[in-house]
Amino acid sequence: MGWAEYRKRLRGSVASSAAPYGYTLTIWTSGAITAHVQGIPATVHSIAFAGGAILSFMLIGILAFGRPERVLRPPKERDVEIWGAFHLPVVGVAVGLATLIANGVHDAVLCWLLVGFLGTCTYLLLVALQFMVAESRAAPDDGAAGS
């Protein structure tokens, strides 16, 4: 077991962490910006934020899978080139939208609801587009060149 085997495992680690990592950056940064603008959220604001995120995830999941019962059984996806995992544009758009909402919506409950909902929605829709573009540019090999 040497460097090539380690790199193979490292690729798996990076690939399986890419989407959760980007979503964590999106949701955490959006919440932090909203808290900075709106103030520390009360319990109802936190519930609205979580509710918006959950509702958005459910709706996008149903859009993606067609029927609600399929959401928990995702199909096996093909590998994506590593640049497809760099979420700076996707996270940037979602966080930018959160900043606009935090500064423009003065009703705190509605603000937190919208940031959770639209942050999640924006991230999921755009990361799918980013992965699709990355996959269309992917070379036919497994990306292991230089191992």
N, C-alpha and C. Protein backbone atom coordinates (compact mmCIF):
# COMPACT_ATOMS: atom_id res chain seq x y z
N MET A 1 0.85 -1.17 0.00
CA MET A 1 0.00 0.00 0.00
C MET A 1 0.90 1.24 0.00
N GLY A 2 0.80 2.04 -1.03
CA GLY A 2 1.67 3.20 -1.15
C GLY A 2 0.92 4.46 -1.50
N TRP A 3 1.65 5.37 -2.11
CA TRP A 3 1.11 6.69 -2.45
C TRP A 3 -0.10 6.59 -3.38
N ALA A 4 -0.06 5.74 -4.38
CA ALA A 4 -1.17 5.62 -5.33
C ALA A 4 -2.45 5.18 -4.61
N GLU A 5 -2.32 4.22 -3.71
CA GLU A 5 -3.50 3.77 -2.95
C GLU A 5 -4.03 4.88 -2.04
N TYR A 6 -3.11 5.59 -1.40
CA TYR A 6 -3.52 6.71 -0.54
C TYR A 6 -4.25 7.78 -1.35
N ARG A 7 -3.72 8.13 -2.53
CA ARG A 7 -4.36 9.14 -3.37
C ARG A 7 -5.75 8.69 -3.80
N LYS A 8 -5.91 7.41 -4.08
CA LYS A 8 -7.22 6.87 -4.45
C LYS A 8 -8.21 7.09 -3.30
N ARG A 9 -7.80 6.79 -2.08
CA ARG A 9 -8.65 7.00 -0.90
C ARG A 9 -8.90 8.49 -0.66
N LEU A 10 -7.87 9.29 -0.89
CA LEU A 10 -8.01 10.74 -0.72
C LEU A 10 -9.01 11.31 -1.72
N ARG A 11 -8.96 10.83 -2.98
CA ARG A 11 -9.94 11.26 -3.98
C ARG A 11 -11.36 10.92 -3.52
N GLY A 12 -11.54 9.72 -2.98
CA GLY A 12 -12.86 9.33 -2.47
C GLY A 12 -13.32 10.22 -1.33
N SER A 13 -12.40 10.56 -0.45
CA SER A 13 -12.72 11.43 0.68
C SER A 13 -13.14 12.82 0.21
N VAL A 14 -12.38 13.38 -0.72
CA VAL A 14 -12.70 14.71 -1.25
C VAL A 14 -14.03 14.67 -2.00
N ALA A 15 -14.22 13.68 -2.84
CA ALA A 15 -15.44 13.59 -3.64
C ALA A 15 -16.68 13.44 -2.76
N SER A 16 -16.60 12.61 -1.72
CA SER A 16 -17.78 12.39 -0.88
C SER A 16 -18.05 13.57 0.05
N SER A 17 -17.06 14.42 0.25
CA SER A 17 -17.22 15.58 1.14
C SER A 17 -17.58 16.86 0.40
N ALA A 18 -17.44 16.88 -0.91
CA ALA A 18 -17.56 18.13 -1.67
C ALA A 18 -18.91 18.82 -1.49
N ALA A 19 -20.00 18.15 -1.75
CA ALA A 19 -21.31 18.79 -1.66
C ALA A 19 -21.66 19.17 -0.22
N PRO A 20 -21.47 18.28 0.78
CA PRO A 20 -21.75 18.70 2.16
C PRO A 20 -20.88 19.88 2.61
N TYR A 21 -19.65 19.92 2.17
CA TYR A 21 -18.74 21.01 2.50
C TYR A 21 -19.27 22.33 1.95
N GLY A 22 -19.63 22.33 0.69
CA GLY A 22 -20.17 23.54 0.07
C GLY A 22 -21.46 24.00 0.72
N TYR A 23 -22.34 23.06 1.04
CA TYR A 23 -23.59 23.43 1.68
C TYR A 23 -23.35 23.97 3.09
N THR A 24 -22.40 23.38 3.81
CA THR A 24 -22.07 23.89 5.14
C THR A 24 -21.57 25.33 5.06
N LEU A 25 -20.69 25.59 4.10
CA LEU A 25 -20.21 26.96 3.92
C LEU A 25 -21.37 27.90 3.61
N THR A 26 -22.27 27.47 2.75
CA THR A 26 -23.41 28.30 2.36
C THR A 26 -24.31 28.61 3.55
N ILE A 27 -24.73 27.59 4.27
CA ILE A 27 -25.72 27.78 5.32
C ILE A 27 -25.12 28.50 6.52
N TRP A 28 -23.88 28.17 6.89
CA TRP A 28 -23.25 28.81 8.03
C TRP A 28 -22.99 30.28 7.73
N THR A 29 -22.41 30.59 6.58
CA THR A 29 -22.09 31.97 6.25
C THR A 29 -23.36 32.80 6.08
N SER A 30 -24.38 32.22 5.46
CA SER A 30 -25.66 32.93 5.32
C SER A 30 -26.27 33.26 6.67
N GLY A 31 -26.22 32.30 7.58
CA GLY A 31 -26.74 32.53 8.93
C GLY A 31 -25.92 33.57 9.67
N ALA A 32 -24.61 33.53 9.53
CA ALA A 32 -23.75 34.51 10.21
C ALA A 32 -24.00 35.92 9.70
N ILE A 33 -24.13 36.07 8.39
CA ILE A 33 -24.41 37.40 7.82
C ILE A 33 -25.77 37.89 8.29
N THR A 34 -26.75 37.02 8.28
CA THR A 34 -28.09 37.41 8.72
C THR A 34 -28.08 37.81 10.19
N ALA A 35 -27.36 37.07 11.02
CA ALA A 35 -27.25 37.42 12.44
C ALA A 35 -26.54 38.76 12.62
N HIS A 36 -25.55 39.03 11.80
CA HIS A 36 -24.85 40.31 11.88
C HIS A 36 -25.79 41.46 11.56
N VAL A 37 -26.60 41.30 10.55
CA VAL A 37 -27.51 42.37 10.12
C VAL A 37 -28.74 42.45 11.01
N GLN A 38 -29.36 41.31 11.30
CA GLN A 38 -30.63 41.27 12.02
C GLN A 38 -30.47 41.18 13.53
N GLY A 39 -29.30 40.77 13.99
CA GLY A 39 -29.09 40.53 15.41
C GLY A 39 -29.19 39.04 15.71
N ILE A 40 -28.79 38.67 16.91
CA ILE A 40 -28.84 37.27 17.31
C ILE A 40 -30.28 36.78 17.19
N PRO A 41 -30.46 35.64 16.52
CA PRO A 41 -31.84 35.18 16.29
C PRO A 41 -32.49 34.67 17.57
N ALA A 42 -33.76 34.99 17.71
CA ALA A 42 -34.58 34.39 18.76
C ALA A 42 -34.93 32.97 18.32
N THR A 43 -35.48 32.20 19.22
CA THR A 43 -35.83 30.81 18.90
C THR A 43 -36.72 30.73 17.67
N VAL A 44 -37.70 31.60 17.56
CA VAL A 44 -38.63 31.57 16.42
C VAL A 44 -37.88 31.85 15.12
N HIS A 45 -36.85 32.70 15.17
CA HIS A 45 -36.08 33.00 13.96
C HIS A 45 -35.24 31.79 13.54
N SER A 46 -34.66 31.12 14.52
CA SER A 46 -33.88 29.92 14.23
C SER A 46 -34.77 28.82 13.64
N ILE A 47 -35.98 28.69 14.18
CA ILE A 47 -36.92 27.70 13.66
C ILE A 47 -37.35 28.07 12.24
N ALA A 48 -37.55 29.36 11.98
CA ALA A 48 -37.91 29.81 10.64
C ALA A 48 -36.78 29.52 9.65
N PHE A 49 -35.54 29.77 10.07
CA PHE A 49 -34.37 29.50 9.24
C PHE A 49 -34.29 28.01 8.90
N ALA A 50 -34.38 27.17 9.91
CA ALA A 50 -34.34 25.72 9.70
C ALA A 50 -35.53 25.27 8.86
N GLY A 51 -36.70 25.80 9.14
CA GLY A 51 -37.90 25.44 8.38
C GLY A 51 -37.78 25.81 6.92
N GLY A 52 -37.24 26.98 6.63
CA GLY A 52 -37.03 27.39 5.25
C GLY A 52 -36.06 26.46 4.54
N ALA A 53 -34.96 26.11 5.22
CA ALA A 53 -33.97 25.21 4.62
C ALA A 53 -34.57 23.83 4.37
N ILE A 54 -35.32 23.31 5.33
CA ILE A 54 -35.93 21.98 5.20
C ILE A 54 -36.95 21.98 4.07
N LEU A 55 -37.80 23.00 4.03
CA LEU A 55 -38.82 23.09 2.98
C LEU A 55 -38.16 23.15 1.59
N SER A 56 -37.13 23.97 1.48
CA SER A 56 -36.41 24.08 0.21
C SER A 56 -35.79 22.75 -0.19
N PHE A 57 -35.15 22.08 0.75
CA PHE A 57 -34.51 20.78 0.46
C PHE A 57 -35.55 19.77 0.01
N MET A 58 -36.70 19.76 0.67
CA MET A 58 -37.78 18.83 0.28
C MET A 58 -38.27 19.12 -1.14
N LEU A 59 -38.52 20.39 -1.44
CA LEU A 59 -39.04 20.74 -2.76
C LEU A 59 -38.04 20.43 -3.87
N ILE A 60 -36.77 20.76 -3.64
CA ILE A 60 -35.75 20.47 -4.64
C ILE A 60 -35.57 18.95 -4.77
N GLY A 61 -35.65 18.23 -3.66
CA GLY A 61 -35.56 16.77 -3.69
C GLY A 61 -36.67 16.14 -4.51
N ILE A 62 -37.88 16.64 -4.34
CA ILE A 62 -39.02 16.12 -5.11
C ILE A 62 -38.86 16.49 -6.59
N LEU A 63 -38.37 17.70 -6.86
CA LEU A 63 -38.10 18.10 -8.25
C LEU A 63 -37.06 17.17 -8.87
N ALA A 64 -36.02 16.84 -8.11
CA ALA A 64 -34.93 16.01 -8.63
C ALA A 64 -35.33 14.55 -8.81
N PHE A 65 -36.10 14.00 -7.87
CA PHE A 65 -36.39 12.57 -7.88
C PHE A 65 -37.78 12.23 -8.40
N GLY A 66 -38.65 13.22 -8.53
CA GLY A 66 -39.97 12.97 -9.08
C GLY A 66 -41.02 12.59 -8.05
N ARG A 67 -40.70 11.67 -7.16
CA ARG A 67 -41.65 11.25 -6.14
C ARG A 67 -40.95 11.33 -4.78
N PRO A 68 -41.69 11.73 -3.74
CA PRO A 68 -41.06 11.90 -2.42
C PRO A 68 -40.36 10.67 -1.89
N GLU A 69 -40.88 9.49 -2.15
CA GLU A 69 -40.27 8.27 -1.60
C GLU A 69 -38.92 7.94 -2.23
N ARG A 70 -38.60 8.55 -3.36
CA ARG A 70 -37.31 8.30 -4.01
C ARG A 70 -36.19 9.18 -3.47
N VAL A 71 -36.52 10.18 -2.69
CA VAL A 71 -35.52 11.11 -2.19
C VAL A 71 -34.46 10.38 -1.36
N LEU A 72 -34.85 9.38 -0.61
CA LEU A 72 -33.92 8.68 0.26
C LEU A 72 -33.14 7.58 -0.45
N ARG A 73 -33.41 7.36 -1.72
CA ARG A 73 -32.71 6.32 -2.48
C ARG A 73 -32.08 6.93 -3.73
N PRO A 74 -31.04 7.76 -3.55
CA PRO A 74 -30.45 8.41 -4.73
C PRO A 74 -29.72 7.42 -5.62
N PRO A 75 -29.70 7.71 -6.92
CA PRO A 75 -28.98 6.84 -7.85
C PRO A 75 -27.48 7.04 -7.71
N LYS A 76 -26.72 6.07 -8.17
CA LYS A 76 -25.26 6.18 -8.18
C LYS A 76 -24.88 7.20 -9.24
N GLU A 77 -24.11 8.20 -8.84
CA GLU A 77 -23.67 9.24 -9.77
C GLU A 77 -22.27 8.91 -10.29
N ARG A 78 -21.94 9.41 -11.46
CA ARG A 78 -20.59 9.26 -12.01
C ARG A 78 -19.64 10.20 -11.28
N ASP A 79 -18.35 9.92 -11.39
CA ASP A 79 -17.35 10.80 -10.82
C ASP A 79 -17.39 12.14 -11.53
N VAL A 80 -17.00 13.18 -10.82
CA VAL A 80 -16.98 14.54 -11.35
C VAL A 80 -15.55 15.06 -11.24
N GLU A 81 -15.11 15.78 -12.25
CA GLU A 81 -13.78 16.39 -12.18
C GLU A 81 -13.68 17.26 -10.94
N ILE A 82 -12.49 17.34 -10.38
CA ILE A 82 -12.29 18.02 -9.11
C ILE A 82 -12.70 19.48 -9.15
N TRP A 83 -12.57 20.18 -10.29
CA TRP A 83 -12.95 21.58 -10.28
C TRP A 83 -14.45 21.75 -10.06
N GLY A 84 -15.20 20.69 -10.31
CA GLY A 84 -16.63 20.75 -10.04
C GLY A 84 -16.94 20.80 -8.56
N ALA A 85 -15.96 20.50 -7.73
CA ALA A 85 -16.16 20.53 -6.28
C ALA A 85 -15.74 21.87 -5.67
N PHE A 86 -15.18 22.77 -6.46
CA PHE A 86 -14.81 24.08 -5.94
C PHE A 86 -16.04 24.97 -5.98
N HIS A 87 -16.59 25.20 -4.83
CA HIS A 87 -17.91 25.81 -4.73
C HIS A 87 -17.91 27.33 -4.59
N LEU A 88 -16.79 27.98 -4.85
CA LEU A 88 -16.73 29.42 -4.65
C LEU A 88 -17.84 30.17 -5.39
N PRO A 89 -18.07 29.93 -6.68
CA PRO A 89 -19.16 30.67 -7.34
C PRO A 89 -20.54 30.34 -6.75
N VAL A 90 -20.77 29.09 -6.48
CA VAL A 90 -22.08 28.66 -5.96
C VAL A 90 -22.31 29.23 -4.57
N VAL A 91 -21.34 29.07 -3.69
CA VAL A 91 -21.46 29.60 -2.33
C VAL A 91 -21.55 31.12 -2.38
N GLY A 92 -20.76 31.73 -3.25
CA GLY A 92 -20.79 33.19 -3.38
C GLY A 92 -22.16 33.73 -3.77
N VAL A 93 -22.80 33.08 -4.72
CA VAL A 93 -24.15 33.52 -5.14
C VAL A 93 -25.14 33.35 -3.99
N ALA A 94 -25.12 32.20 -3.32
CA ALA A 94 -26.06 31.95 -2.23
C ALA A 94 -25.83 32.91 -1.07
N VAL A 95 -24.58 33.15 -0.72
CA VAL A 95 -24.27 34.07 0.37
C VAL A 95 -24.60 35.51 -0.03
N GLY A 96 -24.34 35.86 -1.28
CA GLY A 96 -24.72 37.19 -1.76
C GLY A 96 -26.22 37.41 -1.68
N LEU A 97 -26.98 36.39 -2.04
CA LEU A 97 -28.44 36.47 -1.94
C LEU A 97 -28.86 36.63 -0.48
N ALA A 98 -28.23 35.88 0.42
CA ALA A 98 -28.54 36.00 1.85
C ALA A 98 -28.24 37.40 2.35
N THR A 99 -27.17 37.99 1.87
CA THR A 99 -26.81 39.35 2.28
C THR A 99 -27.87 40.34 1.82
N LEU A 100 -28.34 40.18 0.59
CA LEU A 100 -29.40 41.06 0.08
C LEU A 100 -30.69 40.91 0.90
N ILE A 101 -31.04 39.67 1.21
CA ILE A 101 -32.25 39.42 1.99
C ILE A 101 -32.10 40.00 3.39
N ALA A 102 -30.97 39.73 4.04
CA ALA A 102 -30.75 40.21 5.41
C ALA A 102 -30.82 41.73 5.49
N ASN A 103 -30.34 42.40 4.46
CA ASN A 103 -30.36 43.86 4.45
C ASN A 103 -31.67 44.44 3.93
N GLY A 104 -32.44 43.66 3.19
CA GLY A 104 -33.64 44.19 2.56
C GLY A 104 -34.96 43.78 3.17
N VAL A 105 -34.98 42.69 3.94
CA VAL A 105 -36.23 42.21 4.55
C VAL A 105 -36.18 42.55 6.03
N HIS A 106 -37.08 43.40 6.47
CA HIS A 106 -37.02 43.90 7.84
C HIS A 106 -37.84 43.09 8.84
N ASP A 107 -38.76 42.29 8.36
CA ASP A 107 -39.49 41.38 9.25
C ASP A 107 -38.55 40.21 9.56
N ALA A 108 -38.15 40.08 10.81
CA ALA A 108 -37.10 39.11 11.19
C ALA A 108 -37.49 37.67 10.88
N VAL A 109 -38.72 37.27 11.19
CA VAL A 109 -39.14 35.89 10.93
C VAL A 109 -39.10 35.60 9.43
N LEU A 110 -39.65 36.51 8.63
CA LEU A 110 -39.63 36.33 7.18
C LEU A 110 -38.19 36.32 6.65
N CYS A 111 -37.36 37.19 7.17
CA CYS A 111 -35.96 37.24 6.75
C CYS A 111 -35.27 35.91 6.98
N TRP A 112 -35.36 35.37 8.20
CA TRP A 112 -34.69 34.10 8.51
C TRP A 112 -35.27 32.96 7.68
N LEU A 113 -36.58 32.96 7.47
CA LEU A 113 -37.22 31.93 6.65
C LEU A 113 -36.67 31.99 5.22
N LEU A 114 -36.63 33.19 4.65
CA LEU A 114 -36.15 33.35 3.27
C LEU A 114 -34.67 33.00 3.12
N VAL A 115 -33.85 33.37 4.09
CA VAL A 115 -32.43 33.05 4.00
C VAL A 115 -32.23 31.54 4.03
N GLY A 116 -32.91 30.85 4.93
CA GLY A 116 -32.81 29.38 4.97
C GLY A 116 -33.32 28.74 3.69
N PHE A 117 -34.47 29.21 3.22
CA PHE A 117 -35.10 28.64 2.03
C PHE A 117 -34.27 28.92 0.78
N LEU A 118 -34.00 30.18 0.53
CA LEU A 118 -33.32 30.55 -0.72
C LEU A 118 -31.84 30.19 -0.71
N GLY A 119 -31.21 30.18 0.46
CA GLY A 119 -29.82 29.72 0.53
C GLY A 119 -29.71 28.27 0.12
N THR A 120 -30.60 27.44 0.66
CA THR A 120 -30.60 26.01 0.32
C THR A 120 -30.97 25.80 -1.14
N CYS A 121 -32.01 26.45 -1.58
CA CYS A 121 -32.48 26.32 -2.95
C CYS A 121 -31.39 26.73 -3.94
N THR A 122 -30.80 27.89 -3.71
CA THR A 122 -29.75 28.40 -4.59
C THR A 122 -28.58 27.45 -4.64
N TYR A 123 -28.14 26.98 -3.48
CA TYR A 123 -26.99 26.07 -3.44
C TYR A 123 -27.29 24.78 -4.21
N LEU A 124 -28.41 24.14 -3.94
CA LEU A 124 -28.71 22.86 -4.58
C LEU A 124 -28.87 23.01 -6.10
N LEU A 125 -29.57 24.03 -6.53
CA LEU A 125 -29.78 24.22 -7.96
C LEU A 125 -28.48 24.55 -8.69
N LEU A 126 -27.66 25.42 -8.10
CA LEU A 126 -26.43 25.83 -8.77
C LEU A 126 -25.33 24.77 -8.69
N VAL A 127 -25.26 24.04 -7.58
CA VAL A 127 -24.21 23.01 -7.51
C VAL A 127 -24.51 21.88 -8.50
N ALA A 128 -25.77 21.60 -8.73
CA ALA A 128 -26.12 20.60 -9.75
C ALA A 128 -25.67 21.07 -11.12
N LEU A 129 -25.87 22.35 -11.41
CA LEU A 129 -25.42 22.92 -12.68
C LEU A 129 -23.90 22.88 -12.77
N GLN A 130 -23.23 23.21 -11.69
CA GLN A 130 -21.76 23.18 -11.67
C GLN A 130 -21.25 21.77 -11.90
N PHE A 131 -21.84 20.77 -11.25
CA PHE A 131 -21.42 19.38 -11.46
C PHE A 131 -21.69 18.94 -12.90
N MET A 132 -22.81 19.38 -13.46
CA MET A 132 -23.14 19.01 -14.84
C MET A 132 -22.10 19.59 -15.81
N VAL A 133 -21.72 20.84 -15.60
CA VAL A 133 -20.71 21.46 -16.45
C VAL A 133 -19.37 20.75 -16.28
N ALA A 134 -19.01 20.45 -15.03
CA ALA A 134 -17.75 19.75 -14.77
C ALA A 134 -17.74 18.39 -15.44
N GLU A 135 -18.84 17.68 -15.35
CA GLU A 135 -18.92 16.34 -15.95
C GLU A 135 -18.82 16.42 -17.47
N SER A 136 -19.43 17.44 -18.06
CA SER A 136 -19.38 17.56 -19.52
C SER A 136 -17.97 17.87 -20.01
N ARG A 137 -17.14 18.46 -19.14
CA ARG A 137 -15.76 18.77 -19.50
C ARG A 137 -14.81 17.64 -19.13
N ALA A 138 -15.29 16.65 -18.37
CA ALA A 138 -14.43 15.58 -17.85
C ALA A 138 -13.85 14.75 -19.00
N ALA A 139 -12.61 14.37 -18.81
CA ALA A 139 -11.96 13.48 -19.77
C ALA A 139 -12.53 12.07 -19.58
N PRO A 140 -12.43 11.21 -20.60
CA PRO A 140 -12.98 9.87 -20.49
C PRO A 140 -12.27 8.99 -19.47
N ASP A 141 -11.03 9.36 -19.03
CA ASP A 141 -10.35 8.52 -18.04
C ASP A 141 -10.88 8.81 -16.65
N ASP A 142 -10.33 8.15 -15.64
CA ASP A 142 -10.86 8.27 -14.28
C ASP A 142 -10.26 9.45 -13.52
N GLY A 143 -9.51 10.31 -14.18
CA GLY A 143 -8.92 11.47 -13.53
C GLY A 143 -7.70 11.12 -12.71
N ALA A 144 -7.16 9.93 -12.89
CA ALA A 144 -6.04 9.48 -12.06
C ALA A 144 -4.70 9.80 -12.70
N ALA A 145 -4.68 10.64 -13.73
CA ALA A 145 -3.41 10.97 -14.38
C ALA A 145 -2.46 11.57 -13.38
N GLY A 146 -1.25 11.18 -13.46
CA GLY A 146 -0.23 11.69 -12.55
C GLY A 146 -0.18 10.99 -11.23
N SER A 147 -0.90 9.84 -11.07
CA SER A 147 -0.85 9.14 -9.79
C SER A 147 0.46 8.46 -9.61
